[in-house]
C-alpha atoms as a PDB file:
ATOM      1  CA  MET A   1       6.532   6.270  44.349  1.00  0.00           C
ATOM      2  CA  LEU A   2       5.253   5.006  47.657  1.00  0.00           C
ATOM      3  CA  VAL A   3       6.427   6.523  50.932  1.00  0.00           C
ATOM      4  CA  GLY A   4       5.919   5.053  54.413  1.00  0.00           C
ATOM      5  CA  LEU A   5       5.243   7.915  56.850  1.00  0.00           C
ATOM      6  CA  LEU A   6       5.915   7.649  60.570  1.00  0.00           C
ATOM      7  CA  SER A   7       5.649   9.909  63.518  1.00  0.00           C
ATOM      8  CA  ASP A   8       5.784   9.919  67.280  1.00  0.00           C
ATOM      9  CA  LEU A   9       7.528   6.628  67.886  1.00  0.00           C
ATOM     10  CA  HIS A  10       8.082   7.553  71.471  1.00  0.00           C
ATOM     11  CA  GLY A  11      10.496   4.776  72.361  1.00  0.00           C
ATOM     12  CA  ASN A  12       7.901   2.134  71.647  1.00  0.00           C
ATOM     13  CA  GLU A  13       9.888  -0.632  69.769  1.00  0.00           C
ATOM     14  CA  PRO A  14       7.167  -3.271  69.835  1.00  0.00           C
ATOM     15  CA  ALA A  15       4.808  -0.887  68.089  1.00  0.00           C
ATOM     16  CA  LEU A  16       7.533   0.268  65.588  1.00  0.00           C
ATOM     17  CA  SER A  17       8.354  -3.317  64.755  1.00  0.00           C
ATOM     18  CA  ALA A  18       4.646  -4.177  64.110  1.00  0.00           C
ATOM     19  CA  VAL A  19       4.371  -1.098  61.790  1.00  0.00           C
ATOM     20  CA  LEU A  20       7.555  -1.954  59.881  1.00  0.00           C
ATOM     21  CA  ASP A  21       6.296  -5.574  59.513  1.00  0.00           C
ATOM     22  CA  ASP A  22       2.855  -4.508  58.406  1.00  0.00           C
ATOM     23  CA  MET A  23       3.975  -1.853  55.988  1.00  0.00           C
ATOM     24  CA  PRO A  24       3.555  -2.762  52.297  1.00  0.00           C
ATOM     25  CA  PRO A  25       6.670  -2.389  50.026  1.00  0.00           C
ATOM     26  CA  VAL A  26       7.515   1.237  49.876  1.00  0.00           C
ATOM     27  CA  ASP A  27      10.273   3.198  48.040  1.00  0.00           C
ATOM     28  CA  ALA A  28      11.181   5.444  51.028  1.00  0.00           C
ATOM     29  CA  LEU A  29      10.503   6.299  54.585  1.00  0.00           C
ATOM     30  CA  ALA A  30      10.193   9.556  56.403  1.00  0.00           C
ATOM     31  CA  CYS A  31       9.470  10.457  60.089  1.00  0.00           C
ATOM     32  CA  ALA A  32       7.889  13.583  61.566  1.00  0.00           C
ATOM     33  CA  GLY A  33       9.739  13.392  64.854  1.00  0.00           C
ATOM     34  CA  ASP A  34       9.568  12.363  68.517  1.00  0.00           C
ATOM     35  CA  VAL A  35      11.543   9.184  68.079  1.00  0.00           C
ATOM     36  CA  VAL A  36      12.109   9.081  71.828  1.00  0.00           C
ATOM     37  CA  GLY A  37      10.206   9.882  75.030  1.00  0.00           C
ATOM     38  CA  TYR A  38       7.613   7.963  77.199  1.00  0.00           C
ATOM     39  CA  ASN A  39       8.483   4.366  76.485  1.00  0.00           C
ATOM     40  CA  PRO A  40      11.509   2.304  77.457  1.00  0.00           C
ATOM     41  CA  TRP A  41      13.139   1.604  74.051  1.00  0.00           C
ATOM     42  CA  PRO A  42      14.591   4.951  72.987  1.00  0.00           C
ATOM     43  CA  GLY A  43      17.833   3.468  71.671  1.00  0.00           C
ATOM     44  CA  ALA A  44      16.048   0.705  69.645  1.00  0.00           C
ATOM     45  CA  CYS A  45      13.846   3.394  67.965  1.00  0.00           C
ATOM     46  CA  VAL A  46      16.785   5.684  67.261  1.00  0.00           C
ATOM     47  CA  ASP A  47      18.794   2.888  65.773  1.00  0.00           C
ATOM     48  CA  ALA A  48      15.803   1.837  63.603  1.00  0.00           C
ATOM     49  CA  MET A  49      15.737   5.303  61.981  1.00  0.00           C
ATOM     50  CA  ARG A  50      19.461   5.594  61.785  1.00  0.00           C
ATOM     51  CA  GLU A  51      20.089   2.252  60.217  1.00  0.00           C
ATOM     52  CA  ARG A  52      17.476   2.833  57.604  1.00  0.00           C
ATOM     53  CA  ASP A  53      18.720   6.344  57.013  1.00  0.00           C
ATOM     54  CA  VAL A  54      15.161   7.668  57.470  1.00  0.00           C
ATOM     55  CA  PRO A  55      14.777  11.462  56.980  1.00  0.00           C
ATOM     56  CA  THR A  56      13.578  12.693  60.408  1.00  0.00           C
ATOM     57  CA  VAL A  57      12.800  15.982  62.014  1.00  0.00           C
ATOM     58  CA  ARG A  58      13.358  16.847  65.693  1.00  0.00           C
ATOM     59  CA  GLY A  59      10.309  16.515  67.927  1.00  0.00           C
ATOM     60  CA  ASN A  60       9.861  18.375  71.272  1.00  0.00           C
ATOM     61  CA  HIS A  61      10.743  15.136  73.183  1.00  0.00           C
ATOM     62  CA  ASP A  62      13.881  14.567  71.045  1.00  0.00           C
ATOM     63  CA  ARG A  63      14.932  18.267  71.634  1.00  0.00           C
ATOM     64  CA  ALA A  64      14.304  18.007  75.386  1.00  0.00           C
ATOM     65  CA  VAL A  65      16.616  14.989  75.592  1.00  0.00           C
ATOM     66  CA  VAL A  66      19.460  16.558  73.878  1.00  0.00           C
ATOM     67  CA  THR A  67      19.246  20.068  75.385  1.00  0.00           C
ATOM     68  CA  ASP A  68      18.688  18.734  78.956  1.00  0.00           C
ATOM     69  CA  THR A  69      15.333  20.456  79.293  1.00  0.00           C
ATOM     70  CA  SER A  70      11.855  19.247  80.078  1.00  0.00           C
ATOM     71  CA  PHE A  71       9.780  22.352  79.088  1.00  0.00           C
ATOM     72  CA  ALA A  72       6.382  22.245  80.586  1.00  0.00           C
ATOM     73  CA  PHE A  73       6.135  18.443  80.340  1.00  0.00           C
ATOM     74  CA  ASN A  74       3.921  16.531  82.757  1.00  0.00           C
ATOM     75  CA  SER A  75       5.350  13.823  85.070  1.00  0.00           C
ATOM     76  CA  MET A  76       4.998  11.110  82.444  1.00  0.00           C
ATOM     77  CA  ALA A  77       6.662  13.125  79.686  1.00  0.00           C
ATOM     78  CA  GLY A  78       9.365  14.360  82.011  1.00  0.00           C
ATOM     79  CA  ALA A  79      10.125  10.752  83.264  1.00  0.00           C
ATOM     80  CA  GLY A  80      10.474   9.550  79.603  1.00  0.00           C
ATOM     81  CA  VAL A  81      12.832  12.368  78.737  1.00  0.00           C
ATOM     82  CA  ARG A  82      15.042  11.635  81.755  1.00  0.00           C
ATOM     83  CA  TYR A  83      15.026   7.873  80.965  1.00  0.00           C
ATOM     84  CA  ALA A  84      15.967   8.419  77.334  1.00  0.00           C
ATOM     85  CA  ARG A  85      18.810  10.794  78.379  1.00  0.00           C
ATOM     86  CA  GLU A  86      20.158   8.115  80.720  1.00  0.00           C
ATOM     87  CA  GLN A  87      19.743   5.178  78.340  1.00  0.00           C
ATOM     88  CA  LEU A  88      21.028   6.589  74.944  1.00  0.00           C
ATOM     89  CA  THR A  89      24.560   6.317  73.915  1.00  0.00           C
ATOM     90  CA  ASP A  90      26.684   9.198  72.923  1.00  0.00           C
ATOM     91  CA  ASP A  91      26.240   8.241  69.216  1.00  0.00           C
ATOM     92  CA  GLN A  92      22.494   8.024  69.581  1.00  0.00           C
ATOM     93  CA  LEU A  93      22.320  11.469  71.347  1.00  0.00           C
ATOM     94  CA  ALA A  94      24.515  12.862  68.595  1.00  0.00           C
ATOM     95  CA  TRP A  95      22.045  11.686  65.960  1.00  0.00           C
ATOM     96  CA  LEU A  96      19.159  13.235  67.810  1.00  0.00           C
ATOM     97  CA  GLU A  97      21.082  16.477  67.976  1.00  0.00           C
ATOM     98  CA  THR A  98      21.640  16.545  64.201  1.00  0.00           C
ATOM     99  CA  LEU A  99      17.943  16.413  63.466  1.00  0.00           C
ATOM    100  CA  PRO A 100      16.501  19.632  61.780  1.00  0.00           C
ATOM    101  CA  THR A 101      13.189  21.215  62.743  1.00  0.00           C
ATOM    102  CA  GLU A 102      12.187  21.172  59.146  1.00  0.00           C
ATOM    103  CA  HIS A 103      13.241  18.916  56.371  1.00  0.00           C
ATOM    104  CA  THR A 104      12.223  18.938  52.669  1.00  0.00           C
ATOM    105  CA  VAL A 105      12.826  15.605  50.921  1.00  0.00           C
ATOM    106  CA  LEU A 106      12.084  13.730  47.785  1.00  0.00           C
ATOM    107  CA  ASP A 107      13.123  16.502  45.340  1.00  0.00           C
ATOM    108  CA  GLY A 108      11.315  19.114  47.348  1.00  0.00           C
ATOM    109  CA  ARG A 109       7.942  17.503  47.072  1.00  0.00           C
ATOM    110  CA  VAL A 110       7.505  16.485  50.687  1.00  0.00           C
ATOM    111  CA  LYS A 111       8.062  18.734  53.782  1.00  0.00           C
ATOM    112  CA  LEU A 112       8.464  17.275  57.242  1.00  0.00           C
ATOM    113  CA  VAL A 113       7.748  19.270  60.459  1.00  0.00           C
ATOM    114  CA  HIS A 114       6.830  18.127  63.834  1.00  0.00           C
ATOM    115  CA  GLY A 115       4.051  20.385  65.048  1.00  0.00           C
ATOM    116  CA  HIS A 116       3.285  23.282  62.505  1.00  0.00           C
ATOM    117  CA  PRO A 117       5.203  24.764  59.694  1.00  0.00           C
ATOM    118  CA  GLU A 118       5.736  28.062  61.752  1.00  0.00           C
ATOM    119  CA  ASP A 119       6.213  26.544  65.203  1.00  0.00           C
ATOM    120  CA  PRO A 120       7.417  22.998  65.795  1.00  0.00           C
ATOM    121  CA  ASP A 121       5.760  22.954  69.187  1.00  0.00           C
ATOM    122  CA  ARG A 122       2.267  24.068  68.008  1.00  0.00           C
ATOM    123  CA  TYR A 123      -0.343  21.352  67.868  1.00  0.00           C
ATOM    124  CA  THR A 124      -2.113  21.216  64.588  1.00  0.00           C
ATOM    125  CA  TYR A 125      -5.426  19.127  65.067  1.00  0.00           C
ATOM    126  CA  PRO A 126      -7.504  17.953  62.179  1.00  0.00           C
ATOM    127  CA  GLY A 127      -9.912  20.858  62.494  1.00  0.00           C
ATOM    128  CA  MET A 128      -6.968  23.167  61.944  1.00  0.00           C
ATOM    129  CA  PHE A 129      -5.866  21.632  58.605  1.00  0.00           C
ATOM    130  CA  SER A 130      -6.149  24.155  55.698  1.00  0.00           C
ATOM    131  CA  GLU A 131      -4.401  25.099  52.506  1.00  0.00           C
ATOM    132  CA  ARG A 132      -2.748  27.941  54.439  1.00  0.00           C
ATOM    133  CA  LEU A 133      -0.407  25.410  56.010  1.00  0.00           C
ATOM    134  CA  LEU A 134       1.083  24.520  52.697  1.00  0.00           C
ATOM    135  CA  GLY A 135       3.905  26.227  50.818  1.00  0.00           C
ATOM    136  CA  ASP A 136       5.575  25.091  47.637  1.00  0.00           C
ATOM    137  CA  GLU A 137       5.671  21.419  48.566  1.00  0.00           C
ATOM    138  CA  ASP A 138       3.165  18.889  47.349  1.00  0.00           C
ATOM    139  CA  VAL A 139       2.887  17.153  50.735  1.00  0.00           C
ATOM    140  CA  LEU A 140       3.146  18.534  54.240  1.00  0.00           C
ATOM    141  CA  VAL A 141       3.735  15.847  56.998  1.00  0.00           C
ATOM    142  CA  MET A 142       3.079  16.861  60.560  1.00  0.00           C
ATOM    143  CA  GLY A 143       3.111  14.957  63.827  1.00  0.00           C
ATOM    144  CA  HIS A 144       2.894  16.054  67.525  1.00  0.00           C
ATOM    145  CA  THR A 145      -0.952  15.595  68.086  1.00  0.00           C
ATOM    146  CA  HIS A 146      -0.816  11.783  67.871  1.00  0.00           C
ATOM    147  CA  VAL A 147      -4.074  12.009  65.789  1.00  0.00           C
ATOM    148  CA  GLN A 148      -4.179  10.391  62.364  1.00  0.00           C
ATOM    149  CA  HIS A 149      -5.623  12.559  59.605  1.00  0.00           C
ATOM    150  CA  HIS A 150      -5.153  13.858  56.100  1.00  0.00           C
ATOM    151  CA  GLU A 151      -6.724  16.324  53.712  1.00  0.00           C
ATOM    152  CA  VAL A 152      -6.294  17.156  50.005  1.00  0.00           C
ATOM    153  CA  PHE A 153      -6.267  20.827  48.909  1.00  0.00           C
ATOM    154  CA  ASP A 154      -6.216  21.550  45.068  1.00  0.00           C
ATOM    155  CA  GLY A 155      -3.432  19.083  44.434  1.00  0.00           C
ATOM    156  CA  GLN A 156      -1.591  19.317  47.665  1.00  0.00           C
ATOM    157  CA  VAL A 157      -1.917  17.187  50.752  1.00  0.00           C
ATOM    158  CA  ALA A 158      -1.608  17.908  54.446  1.00  0.00           C
ATOM    159  CA  LEU A 159      -1.347  14.900  56.703  1.00  0.00           C
ATOM    160  CA  ASN A 160      -0.465  13.503  60.107  1.00  0.00           C
ATOM    161  CA  PRO A 161       0.294   9.772  59.945  1.00  0.00           C
ATOM    162  CA  GLY A 162      -0.691   9.358  63.577  1.00  0.00           C
ATOM    163  CA  SER A 163       1.530   8.027  66.352  1.00  0.00           C
ATOM    164  CA  VAL A 164       3.269   4.764  66.140  1.00  0.00           C
ATOM    165  CA  GLY A 165       4.128   4.635  69.870  1.00  0.00           C
ATOM    166  CA  GLN A 166       1.311   6.518  71.615  1.00  0.00           C
ATOM    167  CA  PRO A 167      -1.869   6.962  69.666  1.00  0.00           C
ATOM    168  CA  ARG A 168      -4.317   9.556  71.212  1.00  0.00           C
ATOM    169  CA  ASP A 169      -7.421   9.190  69.005  1.00  0.00           C
ATOM    170  CA  GLY A 170      -9.124   6.424  70.911  1.00  0.00           C
ATOM    171  CA  ASN A 171      -7.627   3.665  68.774  1.00  0.00           C
ATOM    172  CA  PRO A 172      -4.865   1.783  70.540  1.00  0.00           C
ATOM    173  CA  LYS A 173      -3.474   0.259  67.382  1.00  0.00           C
ATOM    174  CA  ALA A 174      -0.136   1.717  66.068  1.00  0.00           C
ATOM    175  CA  ALA A 175      -0.710   4.315  63.335  1.00  0.00           C
ATOM    176  CA  TYR A 176       1.154   5.198  60.167  1.00  0.00           C
ATOM    177  CA  ALA A 177       0.389   6.187  56.675  1.00  0.00           C
ATOM    178  CA  VAL A 178       1.452   5.222  53.024  1.00  0.00           C
ATOM    179  CA  LEU A 179       1.695   8.099  50.547  1.00  0.00           C
ATOM    180  CA  ASP A 180       1.460   7.606  46.833  1.00  0.00           C
ATOM    181  CA  LEU A 181       3.472  10.554  45.653  1.00  0.00           C
ATOM    182  CA  GLU A 182       2.472  10.265  42.050  1.00  0.00           C
ATOM    183  CA  GLU A 183      -1.334  10.019  42.648  1.00  0.00           C
ATOM    184  CA  LEU A 184      -1.136  12.221  45.794  1.00  0.00           C
ATOM    185  CA  THR A 185      -3.240   9.764  47.696  1.00  0.00           C
ATOM    186  CA  VAL A 186      -2.859   8.641  51.332  1.00  0.00           C
ATOM    187  CA  GLU A 187      -3.713   5.299  53.003  1.00  0.00           C
ATOM    188  CA  GLU A 188      -4.130   5.672  56.775  1.00  0.00           C
ATOM    189  CA  ARG A 189      -3.149   2.331  58.290  1.00  0.00           C
ATOM    190  CA  ARG A 190      -3.317   0.782  61.814  1.00  0.00           C
ATOM    191  CA  VAL A 191      -1.777  -2.279  63.213  1.00  0.00           C
ATOM    192  CA  ALA A 192      -2.110  -4.149  66.630  1.00  0.00           C
ATOM    193  CA  TYR A 193       0.891  -4.892  68.659  1.00  0.00           C
ATOM    194  CA  ASP A 194       1.708  -6.480  72.103  1.00  0.00           C
ATOM    195  CA  VAL A 195       0.523  -3.560  74.397  1.00  0.00           C
ATOM    196  CA  ASP A 196       0.832  -5.848  77.439  1.00  0.00           C
ATOM    197  CA  ARG A 197       4.579  -6.307  76.726  1.00  0.00           C
ATOM    198  CA  VAL A 198       4.961  -2.494  76.842  1.00  0.00           C
ATOM    199  CA  VAL A 199       2.948  -2.262  80.102  1.00  0.00           C
ATOM    200  CA  GLU A 200       5.247  -4.707  81.720  1.00  0.00           C
ATOM    201  CA  ALA A 201       8.444  -3.103  80.354  1.00  0.00           C
ATOM    202  CA  VAL A 202       7.302   0.400  81.545  1.00  0.00           C
ATOM    203  CA  ARG A 203       6.858  -0.992  85.009  1.00  0.00           C
ATOM    204  CA  GLU A 204      10.194  -2.768  84.988  1.00  0.00           C
ATOM    205  CA  ALA A 205      11.967   0.383  83.856  1.00  0.00           C
ATOM    206  CA  GLY A 206      10.582   2.323  86.767  1.00  0.00           C
ATOM    207  CA  LEU A 207       8.449   4.650  84.572  1.00  0.00           C
ATOM    208  CA  PRO A 208       5.100   5.870  85.597  1.00  0.00           C
ATOM    209  CA  ASP A 209       2.454   3.110  85.171  1.00  0.00           C
ATOM    210  CA  ARG A 210       0.112   5.385  83.275  1.00  0.00           C
ATOM    211  CA  ILE A 211       2.575   5.497  80.323  1.00  0.00           C
ATOM    212  CA  GLY A 212       1.817   1.864  79.622  1.00  0.00           C
ATOM    213  CA  ASN A 213      -1.815   1.797  80.780  1.00  0.00           C
ATOM    214  CA  ARG A 214      -3.002   4.617  78.572  1.00  0.00           C
ATOM    215  CA  LEU A 215      -1.808   2.648  75.455  1.00  0.00           C
ATOM    216  CA  LYS A 216      -4.578   0.246  76.109  1.00  0.00           C
ATOM    217  CA  MET A 217      -7.132   2.933  75.355  1.00  0.00           C
ATOM    218  CA  GLY A 218      -5.254   4.918  72.759  1.00  0.00           C
ATOM    219  CA  THR A 219      -5.487   8.170  74.740  1.00  0.00           C
END
């Protein structure tokens, strides 16, 4: 079974469309959260997950939108949260509100979290990957750092598919991963998209220019 793994879409519909077009045929999709935030297409990204019935966990930006909080977000993140809150329909907000902080799918073999198995807001960078993160699942999928990485530990896999909508590993291409659940192998994939379109849309939406400009550098 092949599983397409997404995370941190962050309202970037052009990047998400490029990922879905680039993705090889898969048997299932799953998402490690932060469907909204930063970029100006929160509704389109929510609908893409809803319409495909993609198992999804709640990221910190998703939670901020539905709980009317901004936590300790910087000005860019706070602006994206406010924008999403204003733009999403009641049905879209209700879908975000139903998302769990942890979700085990595919007969218990794959666990989805946003940040860390013990804390959805904790960043788990590649140097922090270890077998101690894993429980009974075969595969642990995390997001939040926007850094693509995976490691195999004695027949179990810990991975971050990277960010679809705001990569932060120095590569501006949209990131995702394809998991072979039978072989327990991971293919980390990248795809280019029209970043200039996003930069212009960010400006037209009245969002901070840096939201779009940083996409050119993948930071």
